[in-house]
Amino acid sequence: MALPPPRPDTTALITGASSGIGAGLARQLAQRGHGVTLVARRQDRIAELARRLSDQYGVRAEALPCDLLDPAAREKLPGRIDDLGLRVNVLINNAGVASGGDFTDQDPGHEIDMVRLNCEALLGLTAAYAPGFEHRPGAILIVASASGFAPIPRQATYAATKAFALSLAEALHFELRPAGTSVTALCPGPVTTEIADGSPTLQNLFANAPRFAVISADECAAQAIRGLEKNKRVVVPNLAIRAASFFSRNTPHRVLLPATRRVYRV
């Protein structure tokens, strides 16, 4: 199994493509000759990125602004891509938001929107394209997180949404494998992106993370696409985070939760 070959009428749909890991994933795919369709709310950013990718790699790059929190807008997205004469053969579910701090201190509206974006929008787009991949093999990358391996105090909602993403990806990896479709969960630890903007707790956590545990968005994206090409079930793009994830998955929660609480108290 591998990425499906690029064709003039196919495209890789990448959500959350305006910056960070999403932009890195777009670059990785364009380097391999795949046309890309960039989706995010910030139209100016994705339009500029689409122009650069087209100029640098000679691929067809489309920018489709869309608020994935809006169910009506999200449901129209496949039709908008069809109207461009394109067929999605690679789906990159990258869009997501985070929060940090005690659950009782969070804005309930933001937490609910996090579930809607990190889970509902992810599920909606996957459901729109996965049935077609049973007949024409494709590839799906679901950006989860190392936070999805276990409950995390002070990131309760975020970790829960990433556990959903990870579980969905692992199940689909086995469901779609007989059809020749690759499904990979990307589970990074700290990555230098804008996701911590606006959250002092997350900013402090990133600032206090050991340098060896933090990787760049471009390196994260490169490892993700290499893993997708090999149809790896899960990619954790950092040795230190892989070790921590093994600990998280194999330690009883009665031991793990107090330890995690101390780490996330920064």
C-alpha atoms as a PDB file:
ATOM      1  CA  MET A   1       0.000   0.000   0.000  1.00  0.00           C
ATOM      2  CA  ALA A   2       1.120   3.551  -0.690  1.00  0.00           C
ATOM      3  CA  LEU A   3      -0.238   6.918  -1.585  1.00  0.00           C
ATOM      4  CA  PRO A   4      -2.380   6.719  -4.720  1.00  0.00           C
ATOM      5  CA  PRO A   5      -0.553   8.097  -7.749  1.00  0.00           C
ATOM      6  CA  PRO A   6      -1.265  11.747  -8.556  1.00  0.00           C
ATOM      7  CA  ARG A   7      -3.402  12.431 -11.614  1.00  0.00           C
ATOM      8  CA  PRO A   8      -4.511  15.664 -13.274  1.00  0.00           C
ATOM      9  CA  ASP A   9      -8.064  15.178 -11.979  1.00  0.00           C
ATOM     10  CA  THR A  10      -7.198  14.142  -8.393  1.00  0.00           C
ATOM     11  CA  THR A  11      -6.392  16.229  -5.371  1.00  0.00           C
ATOM     12  CA  ALA A  12      -5.301  15.919  -1.759  1.00  0.00           C
ATOM     13  CA  LEU A  13      -7.803  17.684   0.501  1.00  0.00           C
ATOM     14  CA  ILE A  14      -6.032  19.220   3.493  1.00  0.00           C
ATOM     15  CA  THR A  15      -7.980  20.893   6.295  1.00  0.00           C
ATOM     16  CA  GLY A  16      -6.389  23.406   8.618  1.00  0.00           C
ATOM     17  CA  ALA A  17      -3.916  24.141   5.837  1.00  0.00           C
ATOM     18  CA  SER A  18      -3.238  27.812   6.572  1.00  0.00           C
ATOM     19  CA  SER A  19      -0.230  27.200   8.840  1.00  0.00           C
ATOM     20  CA  GLY A  20       1.722  24.735  10.942  1.00  0.00           C
ATOM     21  CA  ILE A  21       1.384  21.011  10.312  1.00  0.00           C
ATOM     22  CA  GLY A  22      -1.324  21.511   7.679  1.00  0.00           C
ATOM     23  CA  ALA A  23       0.872  23.765   5.552  1.00  0.00           C
ATOM     24  CA  GLY A  24       3.758  21.334   6.011  1.00  0.00           C
ATOM     25  CA  LEU A  25       1.612  18.428   4.852  1.00  0.00           C
ATOM     26  CA  ALA A  26       0.582  20.415   1.772  1.00  0.00           C
ATOM     27  CA  ARG A  27       4.238  21.013   0.927  1.00  0.00           C
ATOM     28  CA  GLN A  28       5.105  17.345   1.360  1.00  0.00           C
ATOM     29  CA  LEU A  29       2.334  16.236  -0.971  1.00  0.00           C
ATOM     30  CA  ALA A  30       3.054  18.910  -3.577  1.00  0.00           C
ATOM     31  CA  GLN A  31       6.711  17.826  -3.595  1.00  0.00           C
ATOM     32  CA  ARG A  32       5.480  14.360  -4.551  1.00  0.00           C
ATOM     33  CA  GLY A  33       3.465  15.756  -7.446  1.00  0.00           C
ATOM     34  CA  HIS A  34       0.035  15.708  -5.821  1.00  0.00           C
ATOM     35  CA  GLY A  35      -2.395  18.482  -6.521  1.00  0.00           C
ATOM     36  CA  VAL A  36      -3.709  19.962  -3.301  1.00  0.00           C
ATOM     37  CA  THR A  37      -6.918  21.592  -2.146  1.00  0.00           C
ATOM     38  CA  LEU A  38      -6.279  23.772   0.882  1.00  0.00           C
ATOM     39  CA  VAL A  39      -9.130  24.366   3.329  1.00  0.00           C
ATOM     40  CA  ALA A  40      -9.123  26.826   6.235  1.00  0.00           C
ATOM     41  CA  ARG A  41     -10.959  29.924   7.385  1.00  0.00           C
ATOM     42  CA  ARG A  42      -8.097  32.310   6.586  1.00  0.00           C
ATOM     43  CA  GLN A  43      -8.539  32.808   2.859  1.00  0.00           C
ATOM     44  CA  ASP A  44      -5.521  35.070   2.404  1.00  0.00           C
ATOM     45  CA  ARG A  45      -3.145  32.520   3.898  1.00  0.00           C
ATOM     46  CA  ILE A  46      -4.329  29.512   1.923  1.00  0.00           C
ATOM     47  CA  ALA A  47      -4.480  31.533  -1.302  1.00  0.00           C
ATOM     48  CA  GLU A  48      -0.854  32.594  -0.850  1.00  0.00           C
ATOM     49  CA  LEU A  49       0.234  29.065   0.027  1.00  0.00           C
ATOM     50  CA  ALA A  50      -1.611  27.666  -3.005  1.00  0.00           C
ATOM     51  CA  ARG A  51       0.163  30.163  -5.254  1.00  0.00           C
ATOM     52  CA  ARG A  52       3.580  29.246  -3.842  1.00  0.00           C
ATOM     53  CA  LEU A  53       2.996  25.511  -4.163  1.00  0.00           C
ATOM     54  CA  SER A  54       1.814  25.856  -7.730  1.00  0.00           C
ATOM     55  CA  ASP A  55       4.781  28.019  -8.687  1.00  0.00           C
ATOM     56  CA  GLN A  56       7.365  25.866  -6.934  1.00  0.00           C
ATOM     57  CA  TYR A  57       6.134  22.362  -7.733  1.00  0.00           C
ATOM     58  CA  GLY A  58       3.988  22.821 -10.827  1.00  0.00           C
ATOM     59  CA  VAL A  59       0.927  21.217  -9.264  1.00  0.00           C
ATOM     60  CA  ARG A  60      -2.666  22.360  -9.275  1.00  0.00           C
ATOM     61  CA  ALA A  61      -3.296  24.027  -5.930  1.00  0.00           C
ATOM     62  CA  GLU A  62      -6.765  25.261  -4.974  1.00  0.00           C
ATOM     63  CA  ALA A  63      -7.700  27.382  -1.969  1.00  0.00           C
ATOM     64  CA  LEU A  64     -11.216  26.886  -0.619  1.00  0.00           C
ATOM     65  CA  PRO A  65     -12.059  28.975   2.448  1.00  0.00           C
ATOM     66  CA  CYS A  66     -14.485  27.138   4.711  1.00  0.00           C
ATOM     67  CA  ASP A  67     -15.525  27.309   8.353  1.00  0.00           C
ATOM     68  CA  LEU A  68     -15.645  23.634   9.288  1.00  0.00           C
ATOM     69  CA  LEU A  69     -17.633  24.491  12.424  1.00  0.00           C
ATOM     70  CA  ASP A  70     -20.532  25.421  10.140  1.00  0.00           C
ATOM     71  CA  PRO A  71     -22.280  22.134   9.235  1.00  0.00           C
ATOM     72  CA  ALA A  72     -23.895  23.625   6.127  1.00  0.00           C
ATOM     73  CA  ALA A  73     -20.573  24.975   4.836  1.00  0.00           C
ATOM     74  CA  ARG A  74     -18.844  21.685   5.597  1.00  0.00           C
ATOM     75  CA  GLU A  75     -21.489  19.643   3.790  1.00  0.00           C
ATOM     76  CA  LYS A  76     -21.105  21.810   0.685  1.00  0.00           C
ATOM     77  CA  LEU A  77     -17.340  21.311   0.549  1.00  0.00           C
ATOM     78  CA  PRO A  78     -17.325  18.034  -1.452  1.00  0.00           C
ATOM     79  CA  GLY A  79     -19.643  19.605  -4.018  1.00  0.00           C
ATOM     80  CA  ARG A  80     -17.379  22.638  -4.348  1.00  0.00           C
ATOM     81  CA  ILE A  81     -14.466  20.323  -5.075  1.00  0.00           C
ATOM     82  CA  ASP A  82     -16.537  18.351  -7.586  1.00  0.00           C
ATOM     83  CA  ASP A  83     -17.373  21.622  -9.349  1.00  0.00           C
ATOM     84  CA  LEU A  84     -13.636  22.160  -9.857  1.00  0.00           C
ATOM     85  CA  GLY A  85     -13.495  18.885 -11.777  1.00  0.00           C
ATOM     86  CA  LEU A  86     -11.434  17.237  -9.054  1.00  0.00           C
ATOM     87  CA  ARG A  87     -11.690  13.942  -7.207  1.00  0.00           C
ATOM     88  CA  VAL A  88     -10.260  13.639  -3.702  1.00  0.00           C
ATOM     89  CA  ASN A  89      -7.964  10.624  -3.420  1.00  0.00           C
ATOM     90  CA  VAL A  90      -6.016  11.780  -0.344  1.00  0.00           C
ATOM     91  CA  LEU A  91      -7.841  13.152   2.705  1.00  0.00           C
ATOM     92  CA  ILE A  92      -5.835  14.958   5.372  1.00  0.00           C
ATOM     93  CA  ASN A  93      -7.935  15.693   8.470  1.00  0.00           C
ATOM     94  CA  ASN A  94      -5.708  18.217  10.199  1.00  0.00           C
ATOM     95  CA  ALA A  95      -7.964  21.055  11.389  1.00  0.00           C
ATOM     96  CA  GLY A  96      -8.190  21.329  15.153  1.00  0.00           C
ATOM     97  CA  VAL A  97      -8.011  23.577  18.202  1.00  0.00           C
ATOM     98  CA  ALA A  98      -6.843  23.084  21.777  1.00  0.00           C
ATOM     99  CA  SER A  99      -7.226  24.512  25.247  1.00  0.00           C
ATOM    100  CA  GLY A 100      -5.354  24.240  28.510  1.00  0.00           C
ATOM    101  CA  GLY A 101      -6.153  24.666  32.166  1.00  0.00           C
ATOM    102  CA  ASP A 102      -8.648  23.250  34.635  1.00  0.00           C
ATOM    103  CA  PHE A 103     -11.859  22.184  32.939  1.00  0.00           C
ATOM    104  CA  THR A 104     -13.982  24.313  35.269  1.00  0.00           C
ATOM    105  CA  ASP A 105     -12.043  27.419  34.204  1.00  0.00           C
ATOM    106  CA  GLN A 106     -12.652  26.920  30.480  1.00  0.00           C
ATOM    107  CA  ASP A 107     -15.226  28.667  28.332  1.00  0.00           C
ATOM    108  CA  PRO A 108     -17.913  26.001  27.757  1.00  0.00           C
ATOM    109  CA  GLY A 109     -18.613  27.377  24.293  1.00  0.00           C
ATOM    110  CA  HIS A 110     -14.987  26.962  23.266  1.00  0.00           C
ATOM    111  CA  GLU A 111     -14.874  23.420  24.654  1.00  0.00           C
ATOM    112  CA  ILE A 112     -18.010  22.487  22.719  1.00  0.00           C
ATOM    113  CA  ASP A 113     -16.616  24.028  19.539  1.00  0.00           C
ATOM    114  CA  MET A 114     -13.455  22.006  20.089  1.00  0.00           C
ATOM    115  CA  VAL A 115     -15.482  18.804  20.088  1.00  0.00           C
ATOM    116  CA  ARG A 116     -17.351  19.925  16.994  1.00  0.00           C
ATOM    117  CA  LEU A 117     -14.164  20.707  15.068  1.00  0.00           C
ATOM    118  CA  ASN A 118     -11.831  18.000  16.375  1.00  0.00           C
ATOM    119  CA  CYS A 119     -14.453  15.235  16.247  1.00  0.00           C
ATOM    120  CA  GLU A 120     -17.605  16.165  14.334  1.00  0.00           C
ATOM    121  CA  ALA A 121     -15.923  17.855  11.371  1.00  0.00           C
ATOM    122  CA  LEU A 122     -13.311  15.102  11.218  1.00  0.00           C
ATOM    123  CA  LEU A 123     -16.010  12.438  11.181  1.00  0.00           C
ATOM    124  CA  GLY A 124     -18.141  14.299   8.640  1.00  0.00           C
ATOM    125  CA  LEU A 125     -15.382  14.629   6.042  1.00  0.00           C
ATOM    126  CA  THR A 126     -14.157  11.082   6.624  1.00  0.00           C
ATOM    127  CA  ALA A 127     -17.687   9.771   6.144  1.00  0.00           C
ATOM    128  CA  ALA A 128     -17.978  11.794   2.930  1.00  0.00           C
ATOM    129  CA  TYR A 129     -14.907  10.217   1.322  1.00  0.00           C
ATOM    130  CA  ALA A 130     -14.187   6.837   2.939  1.00  0.00           C
ATOM    131  CA  PRO A 131     -16.979   4.976   1.090  1.00  0.00           C
ATOM    132  CA  GLY A 132     -15.445   5.956  -2.240  1.00  0.00           C
ATOM    133  CA  PHE A 133     -12.056   4.701  -1.087  1.00  0.00           C
ATOM    134  CA  GLU A 134     -13.512   1.196  -0.816  1.00  0.00           C
ATOM    135  CA  HIS A 135     -13.770   1.164  -4.610  1.00  0.00           C
ATOM    136  CA  ARG A 136     -10.901   3.455  -5.621  1.00  0.00           C
ATOM    137  CA  PRO A 137      -8.043   3.125  -3.156  1.00  0.00           C
ATOM    138  CA  GLY A 138      -7.004   6.341  -1.499  1.00  0.00           C
ATOM    139  CA  ALA A 139      -5.289   7.512   1.654  1.00  0.00           C
ATOM    140  CA  ILE A 140      -6.495   9.128   4.865  1.00  0.00           C
ATOM    141  CA  LEU A 141      -4.333  10.866   7.443  1.00  0.00           C
ATOM    142  CA  ILE A 142      -6.021  11.771  10.722  1.00  0.00           C
ATOM    143  CA  VAL A 143      -4.055  14.201  12.861  1.00  0.00           C
ATOM    144  CA  ALA A 144      -4.610  13.057  16.422  1.00  0.00           C
ATOM    145  CA  SER A 145      -2.063  13.713  19.172  1.00  0.00           C
ATOM    146  CA  ALA A 146       0.099  11.978  21.733  1.00  0.00           C
ATOM    147  CA  SER A 147      -2.451  13.506  24.121  1.00  0.00           C
ATOM    148  CA  GLY A 148      -4.944  10.958  22.812  1.00  0.00           C
ATOM    149  CA  PHE A 149      -3.180   8.000  24.382  1.00  0.00           C
ATOM    150  CA  ALA A 150      -4.482   8.711  27.902  1.00  0.00           C
ATOM    151  CA  PRO A 151      -6.631  11.186  29.865  1.00  0.00           C
ATOM    152  CA  ILE A 152      -4.815  14.421  30.658  1.00  0.00           C
ATOM    153  CA  PRO A 153      -5.842  16.652  33.563  1.00  0.00           C
ATOM    154  CA  ARG A 154      -5.885  20.326  32.518  1.00  0.00           C
ATOM    155  CA  GLN A 155      -6.328  19.241  28.898  1.00  0.00           C
ATOM    156  CA  ALA A 156      -9.390  17.149  29.561  1.00  0.00           C
ATOM    157  CA  THR A 157     -11.466  18.030  26.504  1.00  0.00           C
ATOM    158  CA  TYR A 158      -8.564  18.242  24.061  1.00  0.00           C
ATOM    159  CA  ALA A 159      -7.190  14.846  25.097  1.00  0.00           C
ATOM    160  CA  ALA A 160     -10.674  13.341  24.839  1.00  0.00           C
ATOM    161  CA  THR A 161     -11.135  14.650  21.288  1.00  0.00           C
ATOM    162  CA  LYS A 162      -7.754  13.290  20.253  1.00  0.00           C
ATOM    163  CA  ALA A 163      -8.577   9.915  21.796  1.00  0.00           C
ATOM    164  CA  PHE A 164     -11.643   9.908  19.522  1.00  0.00           C
ATOM    165  CA  ALA A 165      -9.503  10.768  16.484  1.00  0.00           C
ATOM    166  CA  LEU A 166      -6.938   8.095  17.314  1.00  0.00           C
ATOM    167  CA  SER A 167      -9.553   5.412  17.898  1.00  0.00           C
ATOM    168  CA  LEU A 168     -11.342   6.224  14.646  1.00  0.00           C
ATOM    169  CA  ALA A 169      -8.108   6.136  12.645  1.00  0.00           C
ATOM    170  CA  GLU A 170      -6.960   2.835  14.109  1.00  0.00           C
ATOM    171  CA  ALA A 171     -10.299   1.191  13.382  1.00  0.00           C
ATOM    172  CA  LEU A 172     -10.444   2.518   9.808  1.00  0.00           C
ATOM    173  CA  HIS A 173      -6.859   1.384   9.238  1.00  0.00           C
ATOM    174  CA  PHE A 174      -8.097  -2.206   9.473  1.00  0.00           C
ATOM    175  CA  GLU A 175     -11.495  -1.679   7.851  1.00  0.00           C
ATOM    176  CA  LEU A 176     -10.118  -0.081   4.689  1.00  0.00           C
ATOM    177  CA  ARG A 177      -6.894  -2.047   4.343  1.00  0.00           C
ATOM    178  CA  PRO A 178      -8.475  -4.842   2.234  1.00  0.00           C
ATOM    179  CA  ALA A 179      -9.491  -2.181  -0.313  1.00  0.00           C
ATOM    180  CA  GLY A 180      -5.899  -0.955  -0.566  1.00  0.00           C
ATOM    181  CA  THR A 181      -6.552   2.331   1.230  1.00  0.00           C
ATOM    182  CA  SER A 182      -3.973   3.614   3.707  1.00  0.00           C
ATOM    183  CA  VAL A 183      -5.187   5.121   6.991  1.00  0.00           C
ATOM    184  CA  THR A 184      -2.704   6.582   9.455  1.00  0.00           C
ATOM    185  CA  ALA A 185      -3.069   8.412  12.756  1.00  0.00           C
ATOM    186  CA  LEU A 186      -0.492  11.120  13.362  1.00  0.00           C
ATOM    187  CA  CYS A 187       0.170  11.537  17.095  1.00  0.00           C
ATOM    188  CA  PRO A 188       2.726  14.279  17.694  1.00  0.00           C
ATOM    189  CA  GLY A 189       3.802  15.755  20.985  1.00  0.00           C
ATOM    190  CA  PRO A 190       4.829  19.425  21.166  1.00  0.00           C
ATOM    191  CA  VAL A 191       5.159  20.943  17.694  1.00  0.00           C
ATOM    192  CA  THR A 192       6.080  24.527  16.895  1.00  0.00           C
ATOM    193  CA  THR A 193       2.720  25.733  15.568  1.00  0.00           C
ATOM    194  CA  GLU A 194       0.154  28.412  16.394  1.00  0.00           C
ATOM    195  CA  ILE A 195      -2.109  26.032  18.331  1.00  0.00           C
ATOM    196  CA  ALA A 196      -0.954  27.427  21.684  1.00  0.00           C
ATOM    197  CA  ASP A 197      -1.750  31.025  20.723  1.00  0.00           C
ATOM    198  CA  GLY A 198      -4.231  32.516  23.165  1.00  0.00           C
ATOM    199  CA  SER A 199      -3.688  29.882  25.858  1.00  0.00           C
ATOM    200  CA  PRO A 200      -1.141  30.846  28.548  1.00  0.00           C
ATOM    201  CA  THR A 201      -1.254  27.299  29.914  1.00  0.00           C
ATOM    202  CA  LEU A 202      -0.298  25.771  26.573  1.00  0.00           C
ATOM    203  CA  GLN A 203       2.315  28.451  25.941  1.00  0.00           C
ATOM    204  CA  ASN A 204       3.925  27.717  29.301  1.00  0.00           C
ATOM    205  CA  LEU A 205       3.797  23.988  28.657  1.00  0.00           C
ATOM    206  CA  PHE A 206       5.540  24.388  25.308  1.00  0.00           C
ATOM    207  CA  ALA A 207       8.074  26.805  26.784  1.00  0.00           C
ATOM    208  CA  ASN A 208       8.975  24.337  29.526  1.00  0.00           C
ATOM    209  CA  ALA A 209       9.094  21.244  27.314  1.00  0.00           C
ATOM    210  CA  PRO A 210      12.604  19.813  26.827  1.00  0.00           C
ATOM    211  CA  ARG A 211      14.039  20.824  23.479  1.00  0.00           C
ATOM    212  CA  PHE A 212      14.509  17.193  22.476  1.00  0.00           C
ATOM    213  CA  ALA A 213      10.741  16.652  22.846  1.00  0.00           C
ATOM    214  CA  VAL A 214       9.750  19.464  20.452  1.00  0.00           C
ATOM    215  CA  ILE A 215       9.906  19.177  16.651  1.00  0.00           C
ATOM    216  CA  SER A 216       9.128  21.557  13.820  1.00  0.00           C
ATOM    217  CA  ALA A 217       5.879  21.438  11.898  1.00  0.00           C
ATOM    218  CA  ASP A 218       7.760  20.574   8.693  1.00  0.00           C
ATOM    219  CA  GLU A 219       9.564  17.621  10.278  1.00  0.00           C
ATOM    220  CA  CYS A 220       6.292  16.415  11.771  1.00  0.00           C
ATOM    221  CA  ALA A 221       4.644  16.622   8.348  1.00  0.00           C
ATOM    222  CA  ALA A 222       7.510  14.814   6.636  1.00  0.00           C
ATOM    223  CA  GLN A 223       7.318  11.886   9.042  1.00  0.00           C
ATOM    224  CA  ALA A 224       3.532  11.808   8.730  1.00  0.00           C
ATOM    225  CA  ILE A 225       3.564  11.461   4.955  1.00  0.00           C
ATOM    226  CA  ARG A 226       6.333   8.859   5.035  1.00  0.00           C
ATOM    227  CA  GLY A 227       4.220   6.884   7.486  1.00  0.00           C
ATOM    228  CA  LEU A 228       1.124   7.240   5.315  1.00  0.00           C
ATOM    229  CA  GLU A 229       3.090   5.988   2.308  1.00  0.00           C
ATOM    230  CA  LYS A 230       3.914   2.837   4.300  1.00  0.00           C
ATOM    231  CA  ASN A 231       0.356   2.584   5.683  1.00  0.00           C
ATOM    232  CA  LYS A 232       1.560   2.771   9.254  1.00  0.00           C
ATOM    233  CA  ARG A 233      -1.316   2.568  11.696  1.00  0.00           C
ATOM    234  CA  VAL A 234       0.142   5.218  14.031  1.00  0.00           C
ATOM    235  CA  VAL A 235       2.998   7.683  13.561  1.00  0.00           C
ATOM    236  CA  VAL A 236       4.529   9.326  16.647  1.00  0.00           C
ATOM    237  CA  PRO A 237       7.195  11.608  15.161  1.00  0.00           C
ATOM    238  CA  ASN A 238       9.673  11.904  18.014  1.00  0.00           C
ATOM    239  CA  LEU A 239      11.617   9.260  19.927  1.00  0.00           C
ATOM    240  CA  ALA A 240      11.062  10.936  23.294  1.00  0.00           C
ATOM    241  CA  ILE A 241       7.329  11.254  22.686  1.00  0.00           C
ATOM    242  CA  ARG A 242       7.162   7.627  21.498  1.00  0.00           C
ATOM    243  CA  ALA A 243       8.667   6.552  24.808  1.00  0.00           C
ATOM    244  CA  ALA A 244       6.255   8.761  26.759  1.00  0.00           C
ATOM    245  CA  SER A 245       3.336   7.411  24.722  1.00  0.00           C
ATOM    246  CA  PHE A 246       4.333   3.837  25.479  1.00  0.00           C
ATOM    247  CA  PHE A 247       4.366   4.766  29.156  1.00  0.00           C
ATOM    248  CA  SER A 248       0.946   6.422  28.848  1.00  0.00           C
ATOM    249  CA  ARG A 249      -0.633   3.437  27.135  1.00  0.00           C
ATOM    250  CA  ASN A 250       0.758   0.862  29.547  1.00  0.00           C
ATOM    251  CA  THR A 251       0.554   2.585  32.934  1.00  0.00           C
ATOM    252  CA  PRO A 252      -2.550   2.200  35.120  1.00  0.00           C
ATOM    253  CA  HIS A 253      -4.507   5.433  35.209  1.00  0.00           C
ATOM    254  CA  ARG A 254      -4.404   5.566  39.005  1.00  0.00           C
ATOM    255  CA  VAL A 255      -0.628   5.990  38.657  1.00  0.00           C
ATOM    256  CA  LEU A 256      -0.597   7.949  35.417  1.00  0.00           C
ATOM    257  CA  LEU A 257      -3.121  10.667  36.242  1.00  0.00           C
ATOM    258  CA  PRO A 258      -1.335  12.162  39.283  1.00  0.00           C
ATOM    259  CA  ALA A 259       1.953  12.185  37.352  1.00  0.00           C
ATOM    260  CA  THR A 260       0.361  13.827  34.339  1.00  0.00           C
ATOM    261  CA  ARG A 261      -1.338  16.388  36.569  1.00  0.00           C
ATOM    262  CA  ARG A 262       2.047  17.484  37.878  1.00  0.00           C
ATOM    263  CA  VAL A 263       3.456  17.873  34.355  1.00  0.00           C
ATOM    264  CA  TYR A 264       0.482  19.928  33.197  1.00  0.00           C
ATOM    265  CA  ARG A 265       0.439  22.172  36.273  1.00  0.00           C
ATOM    266  CA  VAL A 266       2.799  24.686  34.609  1.00  0.00           C
END
